[in-house]
N, C-alpha and C. Protein backbone atom coordinates (compact mmCIF):
# COMPACT_ATOMS: atom_id res chain seq x y z
N UNK A 1 -57.90 63.24 -26.96
CA UNK A 1 -58.72 63.87 -25.87
C UNK A 1 -58.21 63.93 -24.64
N UNK A 2 -58.75 64.80 -23.90
CA UNK A 2 -58.27 65.49 -22.84
C UNK A 2 -58.62 64.68 -21.71
N UNK A 3 -57.90 64.75 -20.74
CA UNK A 3 -58.13 63.93 -19.27
C UNK A 3 -59.54 64.32 -18.86
N UNK A 4 -60.45 63.17 -17.97
CA UNK A 4 -61.38 63.73 -17.42
C UNK A 4 -61.21 64.72 -16.41
N UNK A 5 -62.04 65.81 -16.17
CA UNK A 5 -62.11 66.71 -14.84
C UNK A 5 -62.05 66.26 -13.48
N UNK A 6 -60.88 66.69 -12.86
CA UNK A 6 -60.70 66.10 -11.42
C UNK A 6 -59.80 64.96 -11.72
N UNK A 7 -59.32 64.29 -12.86
CA UNK A 7 -58.80 62.81 -12.63
C UNK A 7 -57.24 63.17 -12.59
N UNK A 8 -56.44 62.98 -12.17
CA UNK A 8 -54.92 62.82 -11.86
C UNK A 8 -54.49 61.98 -13.16
N UNK A 9 -53.19 62.42 -13.27
CA UNK A 9 -52.85 61.93 -14.45
C UNK A 9 -52.27 60.75 -14.34
N UNK A 10 -51.95 60.09 -13.03
CA UNK A 10 -51.54 58.61 -12.87
C UNK A 10 -52.63 57.89 -12.71
N UNK A 11 -53.96 58.42 -12.96
CA UNK A 11 -55.32 57.65 -12.67
C UNK A 11 -55.66 57.53 -13.95
N UNK A 12 -54.97 57.96 -15.06
CA UNK A 12 -55.39 57.69 -16.12
C UNK A 12 -54.60 56.65 -16.67
N UNK A 13 -55.20 55.53 -17.48
CA UNK A 13 -54.54 54.69 -18.10
C UNK A 13 -53.73 55.14 -19.10
N UNK A 14 -53.90 56.06 -19.82
CA UNK A 14 -53.22 56.54 -21.02
C UNK A 14 -51.79 57.54 -20.61
N UNK A 15 -51.81 57.56 -19.28
CA UNK A 15 -50.53 58.26 -18.69
C UNK A 15 -50.08 57.37 -17.37
N UNK A 16 -49.41 56.13 -17.85
CA UNK A 16 -48.85 55.56 -16.72
C UNK A 16 -47.60 56.19 -16.00
N UNK A 17 -47.22 55.73 -14.78
CA UNK A 17 -46.38 56.32 -13.91
C UNK A 17 -45.28 56.19 -14.70
N UNK A 18 -44.79 54.57 -14.80
CA UNK A 18 -43.69 53.97 -15.06
C UNK A 18 -44.23 52.79 -16.45
N UNK A 19 -43.20 53.13 -17.77
CA UNK A 19 -43.62 52.48 -18.81
C UNK A 19 -43.00 51.11 -18.71
N UNK A 20 -43.58 50.39 -19.34
CA UNK A 20 -43.10 48.95 -19.40
C UNK A 20 -42.06 49.01 -19.85
N UNK A 21 -41.12 47.75 -19.42
CA UNK A 21 -39.93 47.84 -20.35
C UNK A 21 -40.34 47.09 -21.98
N UNK A 22 -39.52 47.46 -22.69
CA UNK A 22 -39.43 46.67 -23.98
C UNK A 22 -39.65 45.48 -24.08
N UNK A 23 -39.55 44.65 -25.14
CA UNK A 23 -39.26 43.53 -25.15
C UNK A 23 -38.12 43.21 -25.67
N UNK A 24 -37.14 42.24 -24.75
CA UNK A 24 -35.68 41.80 -24.77
C UNK A 24 -34.93 42.71 -23.58
N UNK A 25 -35.86 43.86 -23.20
CA UNK A 25 -34.88 45.04 -22.41
C UNK A 25 -35.05 44.32 -20.96
N UNK A 26 -33.96 44.61 -20.16
CA UNK A 26 -34.32 43.89 -18.78
C UNK A 26 -34.95 44.69 -17.88
N UNK A 27 -35.53 44.26 -16.70
CA UNK A 27 -36.25 45.06 -16.02
C UNK A 27 -35.21 46.09 -15.05
N UNK A 28 -35.70 46.69 -14.11
CA UNK A 28 -34.98 47.61 -13.35
C UNK A 28 -34.26 46.82 -12.54
N UNK A 29 -33.10 47.05 -12.20
CA UNK A 29 -32.42 46.40 -11.56
C UNK A 29 -32.78 46.15 -9.68
N UNK A 30 -32.33 45.15 -9.34
CA UNK A 30 -33.09 44.80 -8.30
C UNK A 30 -32.34 45.23 -7.26
N UNK A 31 -32.36 45.30 -5.96
CA UNK A 31 -31.48 46.01 -4.99
C UNK A 31 -30.42 44.64 -4.57
N UNK A 32 -29.23 45.30 -4.81
CA UNK A 32 -27.93 44.48 -4.22
C UNK A 32 -27.61 43.98 -5.61
N UNK A 33 -28.37 44.26 -6.61
CA UNK A 33 -27.55 43.37 -8.11
C UNK A 33 -26.27 44.31 -8.69
N UNK A 34 -25.25 43.89 -9.37
CA UNK A 34 -24.48 44.62 -9.68
C UNK A 34 -24.83 45.45 -10.67
N UNK A 35 -24.24 46.86 -10.65
CA UNK A 35 -24.45 47.77 -11.79
C UNK A 35 -23.37 47.79 -13.14
N UNK A 36 -22.06 47.22 -12.56
CA UNK A 36 -21.27 46.87 -13.84
C UNK A 36 -20.98 45.31 -13.91
N UNK A 37 -21.68 44.73 -15.01
CA UNK A 37 -21.57 43.38 -14.91
C UNK A 37 -19.94 43.12 -15.69
N UNK A 38 -19.47 44.00 -16.19
CA UNK A 38 -18.25 43.96 -17.06
C UNK A 38 -17.34 43.93 -15.75
N UNK A 39 -17.33 43.93 -14.80
CA UNK A 39 -16.35 44.25 -14.14
C UNK A 39 -16.28 42.36 -13.39
N UNK A 40 -14.74 41.54 -13.02
CA UNK A 40 -14.41 40.60 -12.83
C UNK A 40 -15.05 40.18 -11.71
N UNK A 41 -15.33 39.08 -11.35
CA UNK A 41 -15.35 38.62 -10.01
C UNK A 41 -14.21 38.83 -9.19
N UNK A 42 -14.38 39.51 -8.17
CA UNK A 42 -13.20 39.03 -7.21
C UNK A 42 -12.92 37.77 -6.75
N UNK A 43 -11.58 37.14 -6.23
CA UNK A 43 -11.68 35.85 -5.23
C UNK A 43 -12.17 36.45 -4.28
N UNK A 44 -12.35 34.85 -3.79
CA UNK A 44 -12.89 34.54 -2.31
C UNK A 44 -11.74 34.52 -1.30
N UNK A 45 -12.36 35.61 -0.49
CA UNK A 45 -11.25 35.96 0.51
C UNK A 45 -10.99 34.80 1.63
N UNK A 46 -9.61 34.47 2.00
CA UNK A 46 -9.62 33.68 2.70
C UNK A 46 -9.78 33.88 4.32
N UNK A 47 -9.10 33.03 4.72
CA UNK A 47 -9.43 33.42 6.50
C UNK A 47 -8.81 34.83 6.89
N UNK A 48 -9.15 35.41 7.73
CA UNK A 48 -8.61 36.78 8.11
C UNK A 48 -8.82 38.12 7.25
N UNK A 49 -9.90 37.11 6.14
CA UNK A 49 -10.20 38.54 5.10
C UNK A 49 -9.60 38.33 3.88
N UNK A 50 -8.16 37.64 3.97
CA UNK A 50 -7.16 37.81 3.34
C UNK A 50 -7.13 36.89 1.99
N UNK A 51 -6.79 37.40 0.82
CA UNK A 51 -6.73 36.29 -0.37
C UNK A 51 -5.69 36.23 -0.50
N UNK A 52 -5.43 34.79 -0.89
CA UNK A 52 -3.95 33.77 -1.17
C UNK A 52 -3.58 34.42 -2.79
N UNK A 53 -3.00 35.13 -3.14
CA UNK A 53 -3.10 35.30 -4.59
C UNK A 53 -2.23 34.12 -5.27
N UNK A 54 -1.24 33.70 -4.69
CA UNK A 54 -0.26 32.64 -4.79
C UNK A 54 -0.75 31.54 -5.06
N UNK A 55 -1.98 31.22 -4.51
CA UNK A 55 -2.56 29.63 -4.49
C UNK A 55 -2.79 29.36 -5.60
N UNK A 56 -2.23 28.09 -5.93
CA UNK A 56 -2.32 27.45 -7.22
C UNK A 56 -1.69 27.80 -8.27
N UNK A 57 -0.53 28.52 -8.46
CA UNK A 57 -0.04 29.34 -9.28
C UNK A 57 1.22 28.09 -9.91
N UNK A 58 1.27 27.11 -9.19
CA UNK A 58 2.04 26.02 -9.54
C UNK A 58 1.34 24.56 -9.81
N UNK A 59 0.35 24.60 -10.29
CA UNK A 59 -0.37 23.31 -10.27
C UNK A 59 0.02 22.24 -10.69
N UNK A 60 0.25 20.84 -9.86
CA UNK A 60 0.80 19.62 -10.56
C UNK A 60 2.22 19.67 -10.56
N UNK A 61 2.82 20.71 -10.22
CA UNK A 61 4.36 20.91 -10.22
C UNK A 61 5.18 19.98 -8.98
N UNK A 62 6.34 19.52 -9.75
CA UNK A 62 7.12 18.59 -8.55
C UNK A 62 7.93 19.35 -7.92
N UNK A 63 7.54 19.26 -6.44
CA UNK A 63 8.40 19.57 -5.24
C UNK A 63 9.56 18.89 -4.57
N UNK A 64 9.40 17.55 -5.48
CA UNK A 64 10.73 16.63 -4.76
C UNK A 64 11.97 17.08 -5.06
N UNK A 65 12.97 16.90 -4.33
CA UNK A 65 14.40 17.01 -4.35
C UNK A 65 15.00 16.30 -3.45
N UNK A 66 16.18 16.00 -3.79
CA UNK A 66 17.07 15.18 -2.92
C UNK A 66 17.51 16.15 -2.01
N UNK A 67 17.69 16.92 -1.37
CA UNK A 67 18.03 17.81 -0.23
C UNK A 67 16.62 17.93 0.68
N UNK A 68 15.61 17.85 0.70
CA UNK A 68 14.47 17.56 1.41
C UNK A 68 14.62 16.43 2.19
N UNK A 69 14.89 15.35 1.24
CA UNK A 69 14.81 14.00 1.64
C UNK A 69 15.86 13.49 2.43
N UNK A 70 17.07 14.21 2.23
CA UNK A 70 17.99 14.21 3.15
C UNK A 70 17.77 15.16 4.61
N UNK A 71 17.15 16.16 4.62
CA UNK A 71 16.78 16.80 5.36
C UNK A 71 16.00 16.00 6.33
N UNK A 72 15.15 15.54 6.22
CA UNK A 72 14.01 14.77 7.06
C UNK A 72 14.95 13.84 7.27
N UNK A 73 15.94 12.84 7.38
CA UNK A 73 15.88 11.84 7.75
C UNK A 73 17.39 12.49 8.72
N UNK A 74 17.94 13.65 8.84
CA UNK A 74 18.85 14.02 9.04
C UNK A 74 18.98 13.90 11.13
N UNK A 75 17.86 13.89 11.57
CA UNK A 75 17.80 13.85 12.77
C UNK A 75 18.27 12.19 13.59
N UNK A 76 17.82 11.20 12.55
CA UNK A 76 18.36 10.08 12.84
C UNK A 76 19.87 9.72 13.07
N UNK A 77 20.92 10.60 12.14
CA UNK A 77 22.20 10.18 12.61
C UNK A 77 22.52 11.11 14.15
N UNK A 78 21.58 11.87 14.61
CA UNK A 78 22.32 12.51 15.72
C UNK A 78 21.99 11.12 16.90
N UNK A 79 21.30 10.07 16.85
CA UNK A 79 21.04 9.19 17.80
C UNK A 79 22.51 8.31 17.81
N UNK A 80 23.21 8.20 16.51
CA UNK A 80 24.62 7.79 16.57
C UNK A 80 25.65 8.31 17.45
N UNK A 81 25.20 9.61 18.06
CA UNK A 81 26.13 10.35 18.91
C UNK A 81 26.07 9.42 20.55
N UNK A 82 24.73 9.05 20.54
CA UNK A 82 24.33 8.22 22.14
C UNK A 82 24.91 6.77 22.11
N UNK A 83 25.66 6.56 20.97
CA UNK A 83 26.70 5.42 21.10
C UNK A 83 27.93 5.69 21.69
N UNK A 84 28.15 7.22 21.62
CA UNK A 84 29.60 7.21 22.23
C UNK A 84 29.57 7.82 23.66
N UNK A 85 28.37 8.01 23.84
CA UNK A 85 28.12 8.73 25.35
C UNK A 85 27.47 7.98 26.26
N UNK A 86 28.63 7.84 27.31
CA UNK A 86 28.25 6.68 28.56
C UNK A 86 27.91 8.10 29.59
N UNK A 87 26.62 7.68 29.32
CA UNK A 87 25.35 8.53 30.41
C UNK A 87 25.59 7.98 31.75
N UNK A 88 25.45 6.89 32.27
CA UNK A 88 25.76 6.77 33.64
C UNK A 88 27.10 7.34 34.28
N UNK A 89 27.97 7.00 33.60
CA UNK A 89 29.06 7.63 34.08
C UNK A 89 28.80 9.35 33.70
N UNK A 90 28.56 9.84 32.85
CA UNK A 90 28.45 11.19 32.89
C UNK A 90 27.67 11.94 34.17
N UNK A 91 26.53 10.86 34.69
CA UNK A 91 25.61 11.33 35.90
C UNK A 91 26.53 11.20 37.05
N UNK A 92 27.30 10.41 37.17
CA UNK A 92 27.79 9.94 38.25
C UNK A 92 29.03 10.83 38.49
N UNK A 93 29.45 11.37 37.60
CA UNK A 93 30.69 12.45 37.43
C UNK A 93 29.82 13.96 37.94
N UNK A 94 28.81 14.06 37.31
CA UNK A 94 28.19 15.11 37.67
C UNK A 94 27.22 15.53 38.83
N UNK A 95 27.20 14.33 39.50
CA UNK A 95 26.61 14.32 40.90
C UNK A 95 27.86 14.00 42.09
N UNK A 96 28.83 13.52 41.62
CA UNK A 96 29.47 12.88 42.65
C UNK A 96 30.84 14.17 42.88
N UNK A 97 31.35 14.17 44.25
CA UNK A 97 31.94 15.02 44.54
C UNK A 97 33.40 14.68 45.36
N UNK A 98 34.50 14.36 45.38
CA UNK A 98 35.66 13.90 45.88
C UNK A 98 36.42 15.19 45.83
N UNK A 99 36.65 15.10 47.54
CA UNK A 99 37.58 16.36 48.02
C UNK A 99 38.96 16.19 47.38
N UNK A 100 39.60 16.97 46.95
CA UNK A 100 41.02 17.22 46.36
C UNK A 100 40.71 16.34 44.97
N UNK A 101 39.87 15.94 44.40
CA UNK A 101 39.59 15.92 43.32
C UNK A 101 38.55 16.13 42.35
N UNK A 102 38.92 16.49 40.84
CA UNK A 102 37.84 16.90 40.07
C UNK A 102 37.80 15.98 38.86
N UNK A 103 36.23 15.65 38.60
CA UNK A 103 36.07 14.81 37.68
C UNK A 103 35.26 15.58 36.63
N UNK A 104 35.60 16.38 35.78
CA UNK A 104 34.74 16.94 34.85
C UNK A 104 33.50 16.18 34.26
N UNK A 105 32.14 16.36 34.04
CA UNK A 105 31.47 15.34 33.17
C UNK A 105 31.85 15.73 32.02
N UNK A 106 32.42 16.37 31.13
CA UNK A 106 32.86 16.88 30.02
C UNK A 106 33.56 15.69 29.40
N UNK A 107 33.33 14.35 29.47
CA UNK A 107 33.86 13.42 28.78
C UNK A 107 34.00 13.53 27.34
N UNK A 108 35.22 12.33 26.61
CA UNK A 108 35.20 12.37 25.61
C UNK A 108 33.94 11.70 24.70
N UNK A 109 33.15 10.71 24.96
CA UNK A 109 32.05 10.26 24.76
C UNK A 109 30.87 11.45 24.60
N UNK A 110 30.98 12.24 25.93
CA UNK A 110 29.81 13.55 25.94
C UNK A 110 30.49 14.65 24.56
N UNK A 111 31.60 14.79 24.53
CA UNK A 111 31.78 15.98 23.60
C UNK A 111 31.46 15.54 22.12
N UNK A 112 31.75 13.96 22.04
CA UNK A 112 31.32 13.38 20.73
C UNK A 112 30.02 13.64 20.37
N UNK A 113 29.16 13.34 21.28
CA UNK A 113 27.71 13.40 21.43
C UNK A 113 27.25 14.95 21.05
N UNK A 114 27.92 15.71 21.81
CA UNK A 114 27.30 17.30 21.22
C UNK A 114 28.03 17.54 20.01
N UNK A 115 29.15 16.91 19.36
CA UNK A 115 29.41 17.26 17.90
C UNK A 115 28.92 16.70 17.00
N UNK A 116 28.16 15.44 17.29
CA UNK A 116 27.06 15.09 16.19
C UNK A 116 25.93 15.71 16.47
N UNK A 117 25.66 16.48 17.51
CA UNK A 117 24.45 17.29 17.68
C UNK A 117 24.89 18.81 16.91
N UNK A 118 25.97 19.32 17.07
CA UNK A 118 25.90 20.59 16.15
C UNK A 118 26.11 20.19 14.48
N UNK A 119 26.73 19.31 14.29
CA UNK A 119 27.05 18.78 12.82
C UNK A 119 25.49 18.45 12.07
N UNK A 120 24.79 17.54 12.39
CA UNK A 120 23.32 17.86 12.14
C UNK A 120 22.85 18.74 12.27
N UNK A 121 22.74 19.77 13.23
CA UNK A 121 22.12 21.10 12.91
C UNK A 121 22.86 21.93 11.94
N UNK A 122 23.95 21.84 12.12
CA UNK A 122 24.25 22.67 10.60
C UNK A 122 23.99 22.14 9.30
N UNK A 123 24.08 20.91 9.28
CA UNK A 123 23.41 20.11 7.85
C UNK A 123 22.23 20.33 7.74
N UNK A 124 21.22 20.58 8.83
CA UNK A 124 20.04 20.64 8.35
C UNK A 124 19.54 22.25 7.69
N UNK A 125 20.52 23.22 8.36
CA UNK A 125 20.39 24.40 7.84
C UNK A 125 21.08 24.45 6.33
N UNK A 126 22.31 23.84 6.04
CA UNK A 126 22.58 23.78 4.93
C UNK A 126 21.89 23.31 3.73
N UNK A 127 21.13 21.78 3.89
CA UNK A 127 20.35 21.05 3.24
C UNK A 127 18.70 21.83 3.01
N UNK A 128 18.68 22.59 3.84
CA UNK A 128 17.36 23.72 3.68
C UNK A 128 17.30 24.80 2.72
N UNK A 129 18.75 25.26 2.87
CA UNK A 129 19.43 26.52 1.82
C UNK A 129 19.50 25.77 0.28
N UNK A 130 19.88 24.65 0.27
CA UNK A 130 20.17 24.07 -1.17
C UNK A 130 18.41 23.49 -1.66
N UNK A 131 17.73 23.09 -0.60
CA UNK A 131 16.29 22.48 -1.30
C UNK A 131 15.39 24.04 -1.49
N UNK A 132 15.87 25.05 -0.45
CA UNK A 132 15.29 26.35 -1.44
C UNK A 132 15.51 26.54 -2.60
N UNK A 133 16.94 26.75 -3.34
CA UNK A 133 16.77 27.09 -4.24
C UNK A 133 16.97 25.92 -5.37
N UNK A 134 16.64 24.95 -4.98
CA UNK A 134 16.14 24.03 -5.95
C UNK A 134 14.45 24.21 -6.41
N UNK A 135 13.71 24.34 -5.28
CA UNK A 135 12.71 24.83 -5.63
C UNK A 135 12.61 26.16 -6.73
N UNK A 136 12.98 26.90 -5.93
CA UNK A 136 13.23 28.28 -6.91
C UNK A 136 13.53 27.63 -8.73
N UNK A 137 14.50 26.71 -8.50
CA UNK A 137 14.84 26.56 -9.91
C UNK A 137 13.85 25.72 -10.47
N UNK A 138 12.94 24.96 -10.02
CA UNK A 138 11.66 24.51 -10.26
C UNK A 138 10.91 25.12 -11.01
N UNK A 139 11.05 26.35 -10.50
CA UNK A 139 9.78 27.71 -10.76
C UNK A 139 8.80 27.71 -9.66
N UNK A 140 8.62 26.92 -8.68
CA UNK A 140 7.91 27.09 -7.55
C UNK A 140 8.17 28.99 -7.32
N UNK A 141 7.18 29.29 -6.80
CA UNK A 141 6.65 30.98 -6.62
C UNK A 141 6.77 31.01 -5.34
N UNK A 142 7.78 31.99 -4.68
CA UNK A 142 8.20 32.33 -3.58
C UNK A 142 7.73 31.00 -2.58
N UNK A 143 9.21 29.89 -2.91
CA UNK A 143 9.05 28.92 -1.66
C UNK A 143 9.24 29.46 -0.17
N UNK A 144 9.08 28.81 0.94
CA UNK A 144 8.96 28.80 2.18
C UNK A 144 10.53 29.47 2.47
N UNK A 145 10.73 30.72 3.07
CA UNK A 145 12.39 30.94 3.41
C UNK A 145 13.39 30.09 4.09
N UNK A 146 14.53 29.95 3.83
CA UNK A 146 15.09 28.76 4.22
C UNK A 146 15.65 29.26 5.44
N UNK A 147 15.87 30.56 6.00
CA UNK A 147 16.60 30.78 6.86
C UNK A 147 15.64 30.56 8.13
N UNK A 148 14.08 29.64 8.31
CA UNK A 148 13.66 29.08 8.98
C UNK A 148 14.32 27.88 9.51
N UNK A 149 15.00 27.46 8.75
CA UNK A 149 15.84 26.05 9.17
C UNK A 149 16.50 26.41 10.73
N UNK A 150 16.99 27.92 11.15
CA UNK A 150 17.69 27.93 12.19
C UNK A 150 17.12 27.46 13.53
N UNK A 151 16.04 27.47 13.16
CA UNK A 151 14.52 26.68 13.97
C UNK A 151 14.08 25.44 14.01
N UNK A 152 14.99 24.84 13.13
CA UNK A 152 14.96 23.25 13.00
C UNK A 152 13.73 22.74 12.42
N UNK A 153 12.79 22.55 12.99
CA UNK A 153 11.59 21.79 12.61
C UNK A 153 10.50 22.72 11.67
N UNK A 154 10.80 24.12 11.87
CA UNK A 154 9.53 25.19 11.46
C UNK A 154 10.53 25.21 9.84
N UNK A 155 11.14 24.86 9.13
CA UNK A 155 11.44 24.77 8.02
C UNK A 155 10.82 23.86 7.08
N UNK A 156 10.67 22.69 7.95
CA UNK A 156 10.19 21.31 6.78
C UNK A 156 8.76 21.87 6.80
N UNK A 157 8.13 22.14 8.18
CA UNK A 157 6.71 22.25 8.46
C UNK A 157 6.34 23.78 7.36
N UNK A 158 6.72 24.49 7.41
CA UNK A 158 6.60 25.62 5.99
C UNK A 158 6.66 25.57 4.87
N UNK A 159 7.97 24.48 4.63
CA UNK A 159 8.13 24.36 3.06
C UNK A 159 6.70 23.91 2.79
N UNK A 160 5.96 22.63 3.46
CA UNK A 160 5.19 21.66 3.16
C UNK A 160 4.20 22.55 3.08
N UNK A 161 3.87 23.22 3.82
CA UNK A 161 2.23 24.26 3.70
C UNK A 161 2.48 25.22 2.39
N UNK A 162 3.62 25.61 2.17
CA UNK A 162 3.55 26.46 0.99
C UNK A 162 3.64 25.73 -0.42
N UNK A 163 4.06 24.67 -0.46
CA UNK A 163 4.13 23.90 -1.66
C UNK A 163 2.86 23.29 -1.86
N UNK A 164 2.40 22.92 -0.69
CA UNK A 164 1.02 22.38 -0.70
C UNK A 164 0.00 23.21 -1.41
N UNK A 165 0.22 24.72 -0.94
CA UNK A 165 -0.74 25.83 -1.69
C UNK A 165 -0.73 26.04 -2.91
N UNK A 166 0.91 26.25 -3.27
CA UNK A 166 1.07 25.86 -4.47
C UNK A 166 0.68 25.40 -5.79
N UNK A 167 1.05 23.95 -5.27
CA UNK A 167 0.78 22.98 -6.36
C UNK A 167 -0.26 21.86 -5.94
N UNK A 168 -1.10 22.04 -4.75
CA UNK A 168 -1.70 21.30 -4.67
C UNK A 168 -1.47 20.01 -3.73
N UNK A 169 0.24 19.59 -3.64
CA UNK A 169 0.56 18.35 -3.14
C UNK A 169 1.95 18.80 -2.40
N UNK A 170 2.92 17.44 -2.53
CA UNK A 170 3.91 17.84 -1.84
C UNK A 170 4.29 17.80 -0.25
N UNK A 171 3.60 16.83 0.28
CA UNK A 171 3.20 16.85 1.70
C UNK A 171 3.98 15.47 2.36
N UNK A 172 4.63 14.46 1.15
CA UNK A 172 5.35 13.38 1.71
C UNK A 172 6.68 13.44 2.70
N UNK A 173 7.42 14.50 2.37
CA UNK A 173 8.75 14.93 2.94
C UNK A 173 7.95 15.06 4.71
N UNK A 174 6.64 15.85 4.64
CA UNK A 174 6.60 16.27 6.12
C UNK A 174 6.21 15.05 6.86
N UNK A 175 5.27 14.26 6.15
CA UNK A 175 4.75 12.80 7.23
C UNK A 175 6.09 12.00 7.37
N UNK A 176 7.37 11.88 6.67
CA UNK A 176 8.23 11.25 6.42
C UNK A 176 9.09 11.92 8.17
N UNK A 177 9.17 13.25 7.81
CA UNK A 177 9.76 14.08 8.98
C UNK A 177 9.37 13.82 10.04
N UNK A 178 7.80 13.61 10.32
CA UNK A 178 7.20 13.30 11.56
C UNK A 178 7.50 12.22 12.12
N UNK A 179 7.52 11.16 10.97
CA UNK A 179 7.98 9.90 11.38
C UNK A 179 9.18 9.44 12.31
N UNK A 180 10.27 10.06 11.79
CA UNK A 180 11.44 10.44 11.99
C UNK A 180 11.83 11.05 13.39
N UNK A 181 10.86 12.12 13.64
CA UNK A 181 11.08 12.93 14.85
C UNK A 181 10.44 11.86 15.68
N UNK A 182 9.41 11.52 15.49
CA UNK A 182 8.99 10.58 16.79
C UNK A 182 9.74 9.19 17.16
N UNK A 183 10.44 8.67 15.97
CA UNK A 183 11.31 7.53 16.06
C UNK A 183 12.56 8.09 17.00
N UNK A 184 13.08 9.48 16.76
CA UNK A 184 14.13 9.97 17.51
C UNK A 184 13.88 9.98 18.81
N UNK A 185 12.51 10.77 19.39
CA UNK A 185 11.94 11.00 20.67
C UNK A 185 11.61 9.82 21.29
N UNK A 186 11.25 8.62 20.42
CA UNK A 186 11.16 7.50 21.18
C UNK A 186 12.49 6.80 21.81
N UNK A 187 13.37 6.83 20.99
CA UNK A 187 14.87 6.02 21.17
C UNK A 187 15.53 6.94 22.24
N UNK A 188 15.62 8.17 21.98
CA UNK A 188 16.39 8.96 22.96
C UNK A 188 15.74 8.65 24.27
N UNK A 189 14.49 8.93 24.76
CA UNK A 189 13.77 8.70 25.83
C UNK A 189 14.16 7.70 26.32
N UNK A 190 14.20 6.32 25.62
CA UNK A 190 14.07 5.43 25.88
C UNK A 190 15.88 5.14 26.76
N UNK A 191 16.47 5.51 25.72
CA UNK A 191 18.08 5.41 26.57
C UNK A 191 18.29 6.53 27.45
N UNK A 192 18.01 7.44 27.55
CA UNK A 192 18.11 7.86 28.79
C UNK A 192 17.43 7.42 30.15
N UNK A 193 16.21 6.81 30.04
CA UNK A 193 15.41 6.23 31.14
C UNK A 193 16.33 5.24 31.54
N UNK A 194 16.87 4.24 30.22
CA UNK A 194 17.86 3.12 30.63
C UNK A 194 18.53 3.28 31.68
N UNK A 195 19.66 4.61 31.21
CA UNK A 195 20.88 5.13 31.63
C UNK A 195 20.51 5.63 32.98
N UNK A 196 19.65 6.12 33.28
CA UNK A 196 19.07 6.84 34.76
C UNK A 196 18.69 5.53 35.58
N UNK A 197 18.08 4.42 35.13
CA UNK A 197 17.99 3.11 36.18
C UNK A 197 19.48 2.78 36.30
N UNK A 198 20.27 2.62 35.54
CA UNK A 198 21.50 2.28 35.65
C UNK A 198 22.41 2.95 36.81
N UNK A 199 22.39 4.03 36.50
CA UNK A 199 22.94 4.90 37.33
C UNK A 199 22.23 4.81 38.78
N UNK A 200 20.98 5.15 39.39
CA UNK A 200 20.34 4.62 40.29
C UNK A 200 20.49 3.51 41.07
N UNK A 201 20.85 2.31 40.36
CA UNK A 201 21.21 1.10 40.70
C UNK A 201 22.79 1.26 41.39
N UNK A 202 23.46 2.24 41.04
CA UNK A 202 24.95 2.53 41.59
C UNK A 202 25.21 2.94 42.92
N UNK A 203 23.75 3.94 42.97
CA UNK A 203 23.63 4.58 44.23
C UNK A 203 23.85 4.29 45.16
N UNK A 204 24.42 4.32 46.67
CA UNK A 204 24.04 3.53 47.33
C UNK A 204 22.53 4.07 48.56
N UNK A 205 22.22 3.10 49.04
CA UNK A 205 20.61 3.37 49.40
C UNK A 205 20.91 4.31 50.95
N UNK A 206 20.11 5.25 50.68
CA UNK A 206 19.58 6.13 51.93
C UNK A 206 19.64 5.03 53.19
N UNK A 207 20.46 5.80 54.38
CA UNK A 207 20.08 5.14 55.61
C UNK A 207 18.56 5.41 56.20
N UNK A 208 18.41 4.30 56.40
CA UNK A 208 16.97 4.13 57.34
C UNK A 208 17.17 4.69 58.57
N UNK A 209 16.12 4.95 58.83
CA UNK A 209 15.44 5.60 60.79
C UNK A 209 15.97 4.32 61.85
N UNK A 210 16.20 4.73 62.75
CA UNK A 210 16.59 3.48 63.75
C UNK A 210 14.99 3.26 64.31
């Protein structure tokens, strides 16, 4: 039977505009729906829109090495140098001028202190390199570069951040290093303050106005 005169095809129920989907057939994709479900879901981007592809590449792996533990306690050795340095005498030599006589502030005690400081600095670089090699031998993917040890505290901080991302742990050396660093600062500050007070007591008082 033909359509009624004057009736449009979409007005006739025998000519639907859109056929109904068959049973089991998914409806038309909605707006924003993925057209290619076979594609894998991309990892969620991190800060700055970049994805850390190396995150959790070594889950549960051990990052403890004997070198990193020596590295984090080395600043305490530098305090030993303070025992050789007579700071009040150094301040007196540096601030006192005697005509016809020269008193060098670079006393043997001061040179010993500087020698200990340079030795600690060199050992920190060496042990950072050894620690980096040990991490590579353990299979840690791209550990923190050891040349950052030339900036002293940067290597320990960067190493801890990287191994945390790779393995999910390994922050114990960082906490110990922070504790050692704070102890070093407090002790050195106390020694210098005490030495300055002792030096100030040897300086003659300024003449008062009549």
